[in-house]
Amino acid sequence: MTATAVEGVRVGRDGALQLRCERRGPATVVAGCRYTLPLQVLAPVSLDDPAAVVSILNPTGGLVGGDRLSIDVHAAAGAHAVLTTPSATRVYRAAAEGATQIVRLTLDRQAVVEWVPDHTIPFAGSAFHQAIAVDMDETAGLILVDAFSAGRIARGEAWRFAVLESAVSVRDQHGWLLHDRFVLRGAAAEDDGVWDGLGSCESHPYFASIAIIGVFDRDRFTAEVRQEVERCGAGGEAPWVGVAALARRGALVRCLAASAPELVETVETCWGLARRALLGLSPLALRKA
């Protein structure tokens, strides 16, 4: 094979997932599922909860440059789905084209989707572009987590990715509820603290956004988040958490954490408070190893 032919070979794979959840009596079931690698779905987990808990994974170990993933989830009327991952998603160095993930969530009347994957880890030199689009009925409920680290922190790779982009768009039949997007370009040198300094992440290399949309008491939810954050920080430095009310039907939580365990704990705490506020349900223990 000539050098020219090698240069023309695309690196990466196209992965697709189509998932449909329906309400059957008191339970939600996976009524349809189709996927192609590098996406895969595990069988729904049976927990003491009304939701169908589905884990989405990448058995290849992570995303490489050129991977293009498409995830389509449809929650039919009255269905309740919790969508998660077994562990953090790794994005490896890209020599040319970056990795792309497009997520589309459709929620019919009185459906609920909780999109709660573990955080994404962009390796040094990686390029990752993600878009999450939600089309929901005005009676539906949504909890959506979008969480990242700044890289492999223990290896000194913070902010060493090439590009990190994520956009979250949510709308119902009356118009937009949320559009939130960031595009970060990695540091030009190892001592370049462009995203780590004052006014940015301020030495907190783990960050997350949590959208809660539906009918709930936003003031009470905000007060409960503040109380929990203060309690967690009683013995030392606390994560930084802020809550803002959306123009309609929701709230947006921002989290900054100094470590991965702190990020996980903070996201799980906010998720648990969101479940109680929006759904009247207890926090869900996903029993991950």
C-alpha atoms as a PDB file:
ATOM      1  CA  MET A   1       0.000   0.000   0.000  1.00  0.00           C
ATOM      2  CA  THR A   2       1.415   3.397  -0.921  1.00  0.00           C
ATOM      3  CA  ALA A   3       1.859   6.286   1.497  1.00  0.00           C
ATOM      4  CA  THR A   4      -0.826   8.204  -0.369  1.00  0.00           C
ATOM      5  CA  ALA A   5      -3.328   5.392   0.137  1.00  0.00           C
ATOM      6  CA  VAL A   6      -2.520   5.192   3.847  1.00  0.00           C
ATOM      7  CA  GLU A   7      -3.111   8.913   4.249  1.00  0.00           C
ATOM      8  CA  GLY A   8      -6.536   8.504   2.665  1.00  0.00           C
ATOM      9  CA  VAL A   9      -7.671   5.774   5.072  1.00  0.00           C
ATOM     10  CA  ARG A  10     -10.092   7.059   7.684  1.00  0.00           C
ATOM     11  CA  VAL A  11      -9.367   6.236  11.320  1.00  0.00           C
ATOM     12  CA  GLY A  12     -12.360   5.686  13.581  1.00  0.00           C
ATOM     13  CA  ARG A  13     -15.713   3.954  13.464  1.00  0.00           C
ATOM     14  CA  ASP A  14     -19.373   4.896  13.142  1.00  0.00           C
ATOM     15  CA  GLY A  15     -21.382   3.725  16.144  1.00  0.00           C
ATOM     16  CA  ALA A  16     -25.148   4.042  16.398  1.00  0.00           C
ATOM     17  CA  LEU A  17     -27.649   3.312  19.154  1.00  0.00           C
ATOM     18  CA  GLN A  18     -31.433   3.473  18.932  1.00  0.00           C
ATOM     19  CA  LEU A  19     -33.355   2.859  22.140  1.00  0.00           C
ATOM     20  CA  ARG A  20     -37.086   3.005  22.848  1.00  0.00           C
ATOM     21  CA  CYS A  21     -38.593   2.789  26.336  1.00  0.00           C
ATOM     22  CA  GLU A  22     -42.297   2.240  26.966  1.00  0.00           C
ATOM     23  CA  ARG A  23     -44.568   2.086  29.971  1.00  0.00           C
ATOM     24  CA  ARG A  24     -46.069  -1.361  30.567  1.00  0.00           C
ATOM     25  CA  GLY A  25     -48.370  -1.290  33.588  1.00  0.00           C
ATOM     26  CA  PRO A  26     -46.412   0.050  36.582  1.00  0.00           C
ATOM     27  CA  ALA A  27     -43.014  -0.573  34.977  1.00  0.00           C
ATOM     28  CA  THR A  28     -40.908   0.825  32.152  1.00  0.00           C
ATOM     29  CA  VAL A  29     -39.424  -1.657  29.693  1.00  0.00           C
ATOM     30  CA  VAL A  30     -36.968  -1.431  26.828  1.00  0.00           C
ATOM     31  CA  ALA A  31     -39.315  -1.988  23.886  1.00  0.00           C
ATOM     32  CA  GLY A  32     -36.705  -1.564  21.176  1.00  0.00           C
ATOM     33  CA  CYS A  33     -32.922  -1.579  21.038  1.00  0.00           C
ATOM     34  CA  ARG A  34     -30.510  -1.582  18.142  1.00  0.00           C
ATOM     35  CA  TYR A  35     -26.815  -0.724  18.180  1.00  0.00           C
ATOM     36  CA  THR A  36     -23.572  -1.028  16.267  1.00  0.00           C
ATOM     37  CA  LEU A  37     -20.075  -0.969  17.758  1.00  0.00           C
ATOM     38  CA  PRO A  38     -18.410   0.931  19.273  1.00  0.00           C
ATOM     39  CA  LEU A  39     -21.712   1.469  21.123  1.00  0.00           C
ATOM     40  CA  GLN A  40     -23.372  -1.245  23.142  1.00  0.00           C
ATOM     41  CA  VAL A  41     -26.203  -1.509  25.672  1.00  0.00           C
ATOM     42  CA  LEU A  42     -26.340  -3.787  28.689  1.00  0.00           C
ATOM     43  CA  ALA A  43     -29.579  -5.447  29.782  1.00  0.00           C
ATOM     44  CA  PRO A  44     -31.689  -3.173  32.009  1.00  0.00           C
ATOM     45  CA  VAL A  45     -30.842  -3.436  35.694  1.00  0.00           C
ATOM     46  CA  SER A  46     -33.588  -4.298  38.164  1.00  0.00           C
ATOM     47  CA  LEU A  47     -33.446  -1.855  41.078  1.00  0.00           C
ATOM     48  CA  ASP A  48     -35.963  -0.783  43.678  1.00  0.00           C
ATOM     49  CA  ASP A  49     -37.106   2.101  41.494  1.00  0.00           C
ATOM     50  CA  PRO A  50     -39.848   2.701  38.891  1.00  0.00           C
ATOM     51  CA  ALA A  51     -37.295   3.555  36.201  1.00  0.00           C
ATOM     52  CA  ALA A  52     -35.671   1.243  33.682  1.00  0.00           C
ATOM     53  CA  VAL A  53     -31.920   1.624  34.310  1.00  0.00           C
ATOM     54  CA  VAL A  54     -29.899   1.158  31.125  1.00  0.00           C
ATOM     55  CA  SER A  55     -26.122   1.284  30.871  1.00  0.00           C
ATOM     56  CA  ILE A  56     -24.491   2.442  27.627  1.00  0.00           C
ATOM     57  CA  LEU A  57     -20.893   1.408  27.100  1.00  0.00           C
ATOM     58  CA  ASN A  58     -18.037   1.404  24.638  1.00  0.00           C
ATOM     59  CA  PRO A  59     -16.363  -2.033  24.749  1.00  0.00           C
ATOM     60  CA  THR A  60     -13.378  -0.752  22.764  1.00  0.00           C
ATOM     61  CA  GLY A  61     -12.101   1.129  25.823  1.00  0.00           C
ATOM     62  CA  GLY A  62     -12.701   4.701  24.702  1.00  0.00           C
ATOM     63  CA  LEU A  63     -13.057   7.075  21.772  1.00  0.00           C
ATOM     64  CA  VAL A  64     -10.348   7.614  19.181  1.00  0.00           C
ATOM     65  CA  GLY A  65     -10.000  10.301  16.559  1.00  0.00           C
ATOM     66  CA  GLY A  66     -12.504   9.780  13.758  1.00  0.00           C
ATOM     67  CA  ASP A  67     -15.107   7.979  15.876  1.00  0.00           C
ATOM     68  CA  ARG A  68     -18.630   9.217  15.149  1.00  0.00           C
ATOM     69  CA  LEU A  69     -21.277   8.131  17.623  1.00  0.00           C
ATOM     70  CA  SER A  70     -25.017   8.698  17.325  1.00  0.00           C
ATOM     71  CA  ILE A  71     -27.388   7.929  20.221  1.00  0.00           C
ATOM     72  CA  ASP A  72     -31.167   8.221  19.808  1.00  0.00           C
ATOM     73  CA  VAL A  73     -33.415   7.576  22.819  1.00  0.00           C
ATOM     74  CA  HIS A  74     -37.213   7.757  22.717  1.00  0.00           C
ATOM     75  CA  ALA A  75     -39.168   7.670  25.973  1.00  0.00           C
ATOM     76  CA  ALA A  76     -42.815   6.986  25.112  1.00  0.00           C
ATOM     77  CA  ALA A  77     -45.727   8.372  27.099  1.00  0.00           C
ATOM     78  CA  GLY A  78     -45.358   7.684  30.821  1.00  0.00           C
ATOM     79  CA  ALA A  79     -42.011   5.906  30.478  1.00  0.00           C
ATOM     80  CA  HIS A  80     -39.165   6.546  32.908  1.00  0.00           C
ATOM     81  CA  ALA A  81     -35.587   5.762  31.854  1.00  0.00           C
ATOM     82  CA  VAL A  82     -32.267   6.239  33.636  1.00  0.00           C
ATOM     83  CA  LEU A  83     -29.376   6.200  31.168  1.00  0.00           C
ATOM     84  CA  THR A  84     -25.851   5.901  32.488  1.00  0.00           C
ATOM     85  CA  THR A  85     -22.386   4.456  31.772  1.00  0.00           C
ATOM     86  CA  PRO A  86     -20.359   1.843  33.683  1.00  0.00           C
ATOM     87  CA  SER A  87     -17.403   4.215  34.087  1.00  0.00           C
ATOM     88  CA  ALA A  88     -15.833   7.412  32.800  1.00  0.00           C
ATOM     89  CA  THR A  89     -15.497   7.852  29.031  1.00  0.00           C
ATOM     90  CA  ARG A  90     -11.916   8.200  27.771  1.00  0.00           C
ATOM     91  CA  VAL A  91     -11.118  10.222  24.666  1.00  0.00           C
ATOM     92  CA  TYR A  92      -7.694   9.393  23.203  1.00  0.00           C
ATOM     93  CA  ARG A  93      -5.248  11.551  21.273  1.00  0.00           C
ATOM     94  CA  ALA A  94      -6.379  12.456  17.758  1.00  0.00           C
ATOM     95  CA  ALA A  95      -3.835  12.797  14.960  1.00  0.00           C
ATOM     96  CA  ALA A  96      -6.346  14.491  12.650  1.00  0.00           C
ATOM     97  CA  GLU A  97     -10.146  14.274  12.879  1.00  0.00           C
ATOM     98  CA  GLY A  98     -11.590  14.362  16.383  1.00  0.00           C
ATOM     99  CA  ALA A  99     -14.261  12.160  17.954  1.00  0.00           C
ATOM    100  CA  THR A 100     -17.914  13.194  17.707  1.00  0.00           C
ATOM    101  CA  GLN A 101     -20.940  12.168  19.769  1.00  0.00           C
ATOM    102  CA  ILE A 102     -24.489  13.251  18.910  1.00  0.00           C
ATOM    103  CA  VAL A 103     -27.225  12.457  21.448  1.00  0.00           C
ATOM    104  CA  ARG A 104     -30.929  12.947  20.742  1.00  0.00           C
ATOM    105  CA  LEU A 105     -33.495  12.450  23.509  1.00  0.00           C
ATOM    106  CA  THR A 106     -37.222  12.496  22.759  1.00  0.00           C
ATOM    107  CA  LEU A 107     -39.685  12.580  25.672  1.00  0.00           C
ATOM    108  CA  ASP A 108     -43.412  12.090  25.087  1.00  0.00           C
ATOM    109  CA  ARG A 109     -46.211  13.080  27.481  1.00  0.00           C
ATOM    110  CA  GLN A 110     -45.371  12.532  31.162  1.00  0.00           C
ATOM    111  CA  ALA A 111     -42.180  10.682  30.242  1.00  0.00           C
ATOM    112  CA  VAL A 112     -39.037  11.087  32.353  1.00  0.00           C
ATOM    113  CA  VAL A 113     -35.416  10.685  31.259  1.00  0.00           C
ATOM    114  CA  GLU A 114     -32.428  10.869  33.573  1.00  0.00           C
ATOM    115  CA  TRP A 115     -29.247  11.172  31.496  1.00  0.00           C
ATOM    116  CA  VAL A 116     -26.501  10.572  34.075  1.00  0.00           C
ATOM    117  CA  PRO A 117     -23.299   9.248  32.466  1.00  0.00           C
ATOM    118  CA  ASP A 118     -19.974   9.307  34.297  1.00  0.00           C
ATOM    119  CA  HIS A 119     -17.639  12.151  33.389  1.00  0.00           C
ATOM    120  CA  THR A 120     -15.586  12.338  30.197  1.00  0.00           C
ATOM    121  CA  ILE A 121     -11.761  12.340  30.337  1.00  0.00           C
ATOM    122  CA  PRO A 122     -10.072  14.051  27.356  1.00  0.00           C
ATOM    123  CA  PHE A 123      -6.480  12.810  27.015  1.00  0.00           C
ATOM    124  CA  ALA A 124      -3.643  15.104  25.934  1.00  0.00           C
ATOM    125  CA  GLY A 125      -3.981  15.902  22.230  1.00  0.00           C
ATOM    126  CA  SER A 126      -7.578  14.661  22.019  1.00  0.00           C
ATOM    127  CA  ALA A 127     -10.412  16.418  20.207  1.00  0.00           C
ATOM    128  CA  PHE A 128     -14.000  15.770  21.300  1.00  0.00           C
ATOM    129  CA  HIS A 129     -17.187  17.353  19.974  1.00  0.00           C
ATOM    130  CA  GLN A 130     -20.506  16.534  21.649  1.00  0.00           C
ATOM    131  CA  ALA A 131     -24.056  17.748  21.073  1.00  0.00           C
ATOM    132  CA  ILE A 132     -27.055  16.713  23.184  1.00  0.00           C
ATOM    133  CA  ALA A 133     -30.462  17.710  21.803  1.00  0.00           C
ATOM    134  CA  VAL A 134     -33.635  17.125  23.833  1.00  0.00           C
ATOM    135  CA  ASP A 135     -37.155  17.433  22.436  1.00  0.00           C
ATOM    136  CA  MET A 136     -39.619  17.038  25.302  1.00  0.00           C
ATOM    137  CA  ASP A 137     -43.331  17.402  25.913  1.00  0.00           C
ATOM    138  CA  GLU A 138     -44.381  20.165  28.290  1.00  0.00           C
ATOM    139  CA  THR A 139     -45.531  17.492  30.784  1.00  0.00           C
ATOM    140  CA  ALA A 140     -42.269  15.512  30.664  1.00  0.00           C
ATOM    141  CA  GLY A 141     -39.384  15.635  33.138  1.00  0.00           C
ATOM    142  CA  LEU A 142     -35.628  15.711  32.537  1.00  0.00           C
ATOM    143  CA  ILE A 143     -32.464  15.423  34.625  1.00  0.00           C
ATOM    144  CA  LEU A 144     -29.335  15.757  32.495  1.00  0.00           C
ATOM    145  CA  VAL A 145     -25.692  15.593  33.611  1.00  0.00           C
ATOM    146  CA  ASP A 146     -22.808  16.821  31.452  1.00  0.00           C
ATOM    147  CA  ALA A 147     -19.536  16.254  33.349  1.00  0.00           C
ATOM    148  CA  PHE A 148     -15.830  16.400  32.454  1.00  0.00           C
ATOM    149  CA  SER A 149     -12.343  16.320  33.809  1.00  0.00           C
ATOM    150  CA  ALA A 150      -9.608  18.545  32.381  1.00  0.00           C
ATOM    151  CA  GLY A 151      -7.625  15.444  31.412  1.00  0.00           C
ATOM    152  CA  ARG A 152      -5.577  12.796  33.196  1.00  0.00           C
ATOM    153  CA  ILE A 153      -4.852  15.002  36.170  1.00  0.00           C
ATOM    154  CA  ALA A 154      -2.527  12.577  38.009  1.00  0.00           C
ATOM    155  CA  ARG A 155      -0.287  12.463  34.916  1.00  0.00           C
ATOM    156  CA  GLY A 156      -0.057  16.231  34.710  1.00  0.00           C
ATOM    157  CA  GLU A 157      -2.215  16.415  31.592  1.00  0.00           C
ATOM    158  CA  ALA A 158      -4.713  19.006  32.812  1.00  0.00           C
ATOM    159  CA  TRP A 159      -6.055  21.155  29.957  1.00  0.00           C
ATOM    160  CA  ARG A 160      -3.736  19.440  27.443  1.00  0.00           C
ATOM    161  CA  PHE A 161      -6.525  18.377  25.049  1.00  0.00           C
ATOM    162  CA  ALA A 162      -6.683  19.985  21.610  1.00  0.00           C
ATOM    163  CA  VAL A 163     -10.434  20.748  21.610  1.00  0.00           C
ATOM    164  CA  LEU A 164     -13.245  20.016  24.037  1.00  0.00           C
ATOM    165  CA  GLU A 165     -16.742  21.027  22.947  1.00  0.00           C
ATOM    166  CA  SER A 166     -20.166  20.262  24.365  1.00  0.00           C
ATOM    167  CA  ALA A 167     -23.580  21.737  23.550  1.00  0.00           C
ATOM    168  CA  VAL A 168     -26.850  20.971  25.346  1.00  0.00           C
ATOM    169  CA  SER A 169     -30.124  22.111  23.763  1.00  0.00           C
ATOM    170  CA  VAL A 170     -33.559  21.484  25.270  1.00  0.00           C
ATOM    171  CA  ARG A 171     -36.926  22.525  23.888  1.00  0.00           C
ATOM    172  CA  ASP A 172     -40.629  21.743  24.220  1.00  0.00           C
ATOM    173  CA  GLN A 173     -43.578  22.597  21.999  1.00  0.00           C
ATOM    174  CA  HIS A 174     -43.507  26.200  23.244  1.00  0.00           C
ATOM    175  CA  GLY A 175     -39.883  26.880  22.363  1.00  0.00           C
ATOM    176  CA  TRP A 176     -36.410  26.772  23.858  1.00  0.00           C
ATOM    177  CA  LEU A 177     -35.851  25.837  27.490  1.00  0.00           C
ATOM    178  CA  LEU A 178     -32.053  25.720  27.492  1.00  0.00           C
ATOM    179  CA  HIS A 179     -29.118  26.163  25.148  1.00  0.00           C
ATOM    180  CA  ASP A 180     -25.745  25.768  26.819  1.00  0.00           C
ATOM    181  CA  ARG A 181     -22.484  25.408  24.879  1.00  0.00           C
ATOM    182  CA  PHE A 182     -18.775  25.666  25.507  1.00  0.00           C
ATOM    183  CA  VAL A 183     -15.733  25.233  23.261  1.00  0.00           C
ATOM    184  CA  LEU A 184     -12.360  24.942  25.008  1.00  0.00           C
ATOM    185  CA  ARG A 185      -8.992  24.736  23.317  1.00  0.00           C
ATOM    186  CA  GLY A 186      -6.142  23.206  25.269  1.00  0.00           C
ATOM    187  CA  ALA A 187      -3.208  25.058  26.763  1.00  0.00           C
ATOM    188  CA  ALA A 188      -0.422  25.994  24.365  1.00  0.00           C
ATOM    189  CA  ALA A 189       2.244  24.963  26.918  1.00  0.00           C
ATOM    190  CA  GLU A 190       2.431  22.922  30.103  1.00  0.00           C
ATOM    191  CA  ASP A 191       2.536  26.045  32.287  1.00  0.00           C
ATOM    192  CA  ASP A 192      -0.273  27.791  30.421  1.00  0.00           C
ATOM    193  CA  GLY A 193      -3.144  28.027  32.927  1.00  0.00           C
ATOM    194  CA  VAL A 194      -5.628  29.675  30.600  1.00  0.00           C
ATOM    195  CA  TRP A 195      -8.612  27.628  31.855  1.00  0.00           C
ATOM    196  CA  ASP A 196      -7.262  26.941  35.329  1.00  0.00           C
ATOM    197  CA  GLY A 197      -6.814  30.500  36.563  1.00  0.00           C
ATOM    198  CA  LEU A 198      -8.864  33.257  38.093  1.00  0.00           C
ATOM    199  CA  GLY A 199     -12.271  33.630  36.491  1.00  0.00           C
ATOM    200  CA  SER A 200     -12.211  30.176  34.925  1.00  0.00           C
ATOM    201  CA  CYS A 201     -11.977  26.882  36.827  1.00  0.00           C
ATOM    202  CA  GLU A 202      -9.584  28.302  39.461  1.00  0.00           C
ATOM    203  CA  SER A 203      -7.587  25.113  40.192  1.00  0.00           C
ATOM    204  CA  HIS A 204     -10.689  22.903  39.996  1.00  0.00           C
ATOM    205  CA  PRO A 205      -9.995  20.562  37.046  1.00  0.00           C
ATOM    206  CA  TYR A 206     -13.332  18.710  37.283  1.00  0.00           C
ATOM    207  CA  PHE A 207     -16.548  20.394  36.202  1.00  0.00           C
ATOM    208  CA  ALA A 208     -20.170  19.539  35.487  1.00  0.00           C
ATOM    209  CA  SER A 209     -23.496  21.044  34.485  1.00  0.00           C
ATOM    210  CA  ILE A 210     -26.801  19.524  35.615  1.00  0.00           C
ATOM    211  CA  ALA A 211     -30.092  20.546  34.013  1.00  0.00           C
ATOM    212  CA  ILE A 212     -33.373  19.849  35.836  1.00  0.00           C
ATOM    213  CA  ILE A 213     -36.495  20.568  33.812  1.00  0.00           C
ATOM    214  CA  GLY A 214     -40.102  19.986  34.785  1.00  0.00           C
ATOM    215  CA  VAL A 215     -42.544  21.062  37.470  1.00  0.00           C
ATOM    216  CA  PHE A 216     -40.858  21.494  40.863  1.00  0.00           C
ATOM    217  CA  ASP A 217     -40.153  24.087  43.556  1.00  0.00           C
ATOM    218  CA  ARG A 218     -36.975  25.733  42.245  1.00  0.00           C
ATOM    219  CA  ASP A 219     -36.451  27.922  45.306  1.00  0.00           C
ATOM    220  CA  ARG A 220     -36.637  24.967  47.663  1.00  0.00           C
ATOM    221  CA  PHE A 221     -34.325  22.930  45.435  1.00  0.00           C
ATOM    222  CA  THR A 222     -31.766  25.750  45.394  1.00  0.00           C
ATOM    223  CA  ALA A 223     -31.882  26.030  49.181  1.00  0.00           C
ATOM    224  CA  GLU A 224     -31.397  22.276  49.583  1.00  0.00           C
ATOM    225  CA  VAL A 225     -28.396  22.280  47.233  1.00  0.00           C
ATOM    226  CA  ARG A 226     -26.813  25.143  49.174  1.00  0.00           C
ATOM    227  CA  GLN A 227     -27.421  23.355  52.481  1.00  0.00           C
ATOM    228  CA  GLU A 228     -25.867  20.105  51.245  1.00  0.00           C
ATOM    229  CA  VAL A 229     -22.807  21.865  49.833  1.00  0.00           C
ATOM    230  CA  GLU A 230     -22.253  23.676  53.118  1.00  0.00           C
ATOM    231  CA  ARG A 231     -22.580  20.401  54.998  1.00  0.00           C
ATOM    232  CA  CYS A 232     -20.046  18.672  52.729  1.00  0.00           C
ATOM    233  CA  GLY A 233     -17.586  21.509  53.241  1.00  0.00           C
ATOM    234  CA  ALA A 234     -17.906  21.596  57.008  1.00  0.00           C
ATOM    235  CA  GLY A 235     -14.735  19.538  57.444  1.00  0.00           C
ATOM    236  CA  GLY A 236     -12.622  21.268  54.797  1.00  0.00           C
ATOM    237  CA  GLU A 237     -12.759  22.807  51.354  1.00  0.00           C
ATOM    238  CA  ALA A 238     -16.097  22.293  49.616  1.00  0.00           C
ATOM    239  CA  PRO A 239     -16.792  21.986  45.911  1.00  0.00           C
ATOM    240  CA  TRP A 240     -18.061  25.109  44.217  1.00  0.00           C
ATOM    241  CA  VAL A 241     -21.721  24.823  43.240  1.00  0.00           C
ATOM    242  CA  GLY A 242     -24.094  27.394  41.787  1.00  0.00           C
ATOM    243  CA  VAL A 243     -27.775  27.153  40.840  1.00  0.00           C
ATOM    244  CA  ALA A 244     -29.607  29.377  38.371  1.00  0.00           C
ATOM    245  CA  ALA A 245     -33.297  29.343  37.449  1.00  0.00           C
ATOM    246  CA  LEU A 246     -34.107  28.931  33.775  1.00  0.00           C
ATOM    247  CA  ALA A 247     -36.629  31.234  32.141  1.00  0.00           C
ATOM    248  CA  ARG A 248     -39.160  28.404  32.054  1.00  0.00           C
ATOM    249  CA  ARG A 249     -39.663  25.146  33.919  1.00  0.00           C
ATOM    250  CA  GLY A 250     -36.192  24.426  35.193  1.00  0.00           C
ATOM    251  CA  ALA A 251     -32.869  25.082  36.848  1.00  0.00           C
ATOM    252  CA  LEU A 252     -29.219  24.695  35.888  1.00  0.00           C
ATOM    253  CA  VAL A 253     -26.530  23.611  38.359  1.00  0.00           C
ATOM    254  CA  ARG A 254     -22.806  24.266  37.820  1.00  0.00           C
ATOM    255  CA  CYS A 255     -20.192  22.289  39.749  1.00  0.00           C
ATOM    256  CA  LEU A 256     -16.422  22.723  40.132  1.00  0.00           C
ATOM    257  CA  ALA A 257     -14.445  20.066  42.008  1.00  0.00           C
ATOM    258  CA  ALA A 258     -10.804  19.551  42.943  1.00  0.00           C
ATOM    259  CA  SER A 259     -10.789  15.756  42.470  1.00  0.00           C
ATOM    260  CA  ALA A 260     -12.693  12.982  40.725  1.00  0.00           C
ATOM    261  CA  PRO A 261     -14.191  11.584  43.970  1.00  0.00           C
ATOM    262  CA  GLU A 262     -15.344  15.084  44.891  1.00  0.00           C
ATOM    263  CA  LEU A 263     -16.958  15.542  41.478  1.00  0.00           C
ATOM    264  CA  VAL A 264     -18.729  12.184  41.673  1.00  0.00           C
ATOM    265  CA  GLU A 265     -20.017  12.908  45.173  1.00  0.00           C
ATOM    266  CA  THR A 266     -21.198  16.388  44.221  1.00  0.00           C
ATOM    267  CA  VAL A 267     -22.990  15.217  41.073  1.00  0.00           C
ATOM    268  CA  GLU A 268     -24.630  12.327  42.924  1.00  0.00           C
ATOM    269  CA  THR A 269     -25.773  14.668  45.690  1.00  0.00           C
ATOM    270  CA  CYS A 270     -27.295  17.153  43.240  1.00  0.00           C
ATOM    271  CA  TRP A 271     -28.841  14.335  41.231  1.00  0.00           C
ATOM    272  CA  GLY A 272     -30.414  12.893  44.383  1.00  0.00           C
ATOM    273  CA  LEU A 273     -31.854  16.284  45.348  1.00  0.00           C
ATOM    274  CA  ALA A 274     -33.173  16.732  41.793  1.00  0.00           C
ATOM    275  CA  ARG A 275     -34.901  13.340  41.900  1.00  0.00           C
ATOM    276  CA  ARG A 276     -36.609  14.227  45.142  1.00  0.00           C
ATOM    277  CA  ALA A 277     -37.654  17.677  43.938  1.00  0.00           C
ATOM    278  CA  LEU A 278     -38.800  16.735  40.440  1.00  0.00           C
ATOM    279  CA  LEU A 279     -39.988  13.142  40.845  1.00  0.00           C
ATOM    280  CA  GLY A 280     -40.584  12.631  44.571  1.00  0.00           C
ATOM    281  CA  LEU A 281     -38.122   9.713  44.477  1.00  0.00           C
ATOM    282  CA  SER A 282     -35.178   8.756  46.647  1.00  0.00           C
ATOM    283  CA  PRO A 283     -31.586   8.885  45.345  1.00  0.00           C
ATOM    284  CA  LEU A 284     -30.734   5.961  43.113  1.00  0.00           C
ATOM    285  CA  ALA A 285     -27.674   3.834  43.942  1.00  0.00           C
ATOM    286  CA  LEU A 286     -26.385   2.461  40.628  1.00  0.00           C
ATOM    287  CA  ARG A 287     -24.050  -0.071  42.320  1.00  0.00           C
ATOM    288  CA  LYS A 288     -21.081   0.580  40.082  1.00  0.00           C
ATOM    289  CA  ALA A 289     -17.857  -1.208  40.888  1.00  0.00           C
END
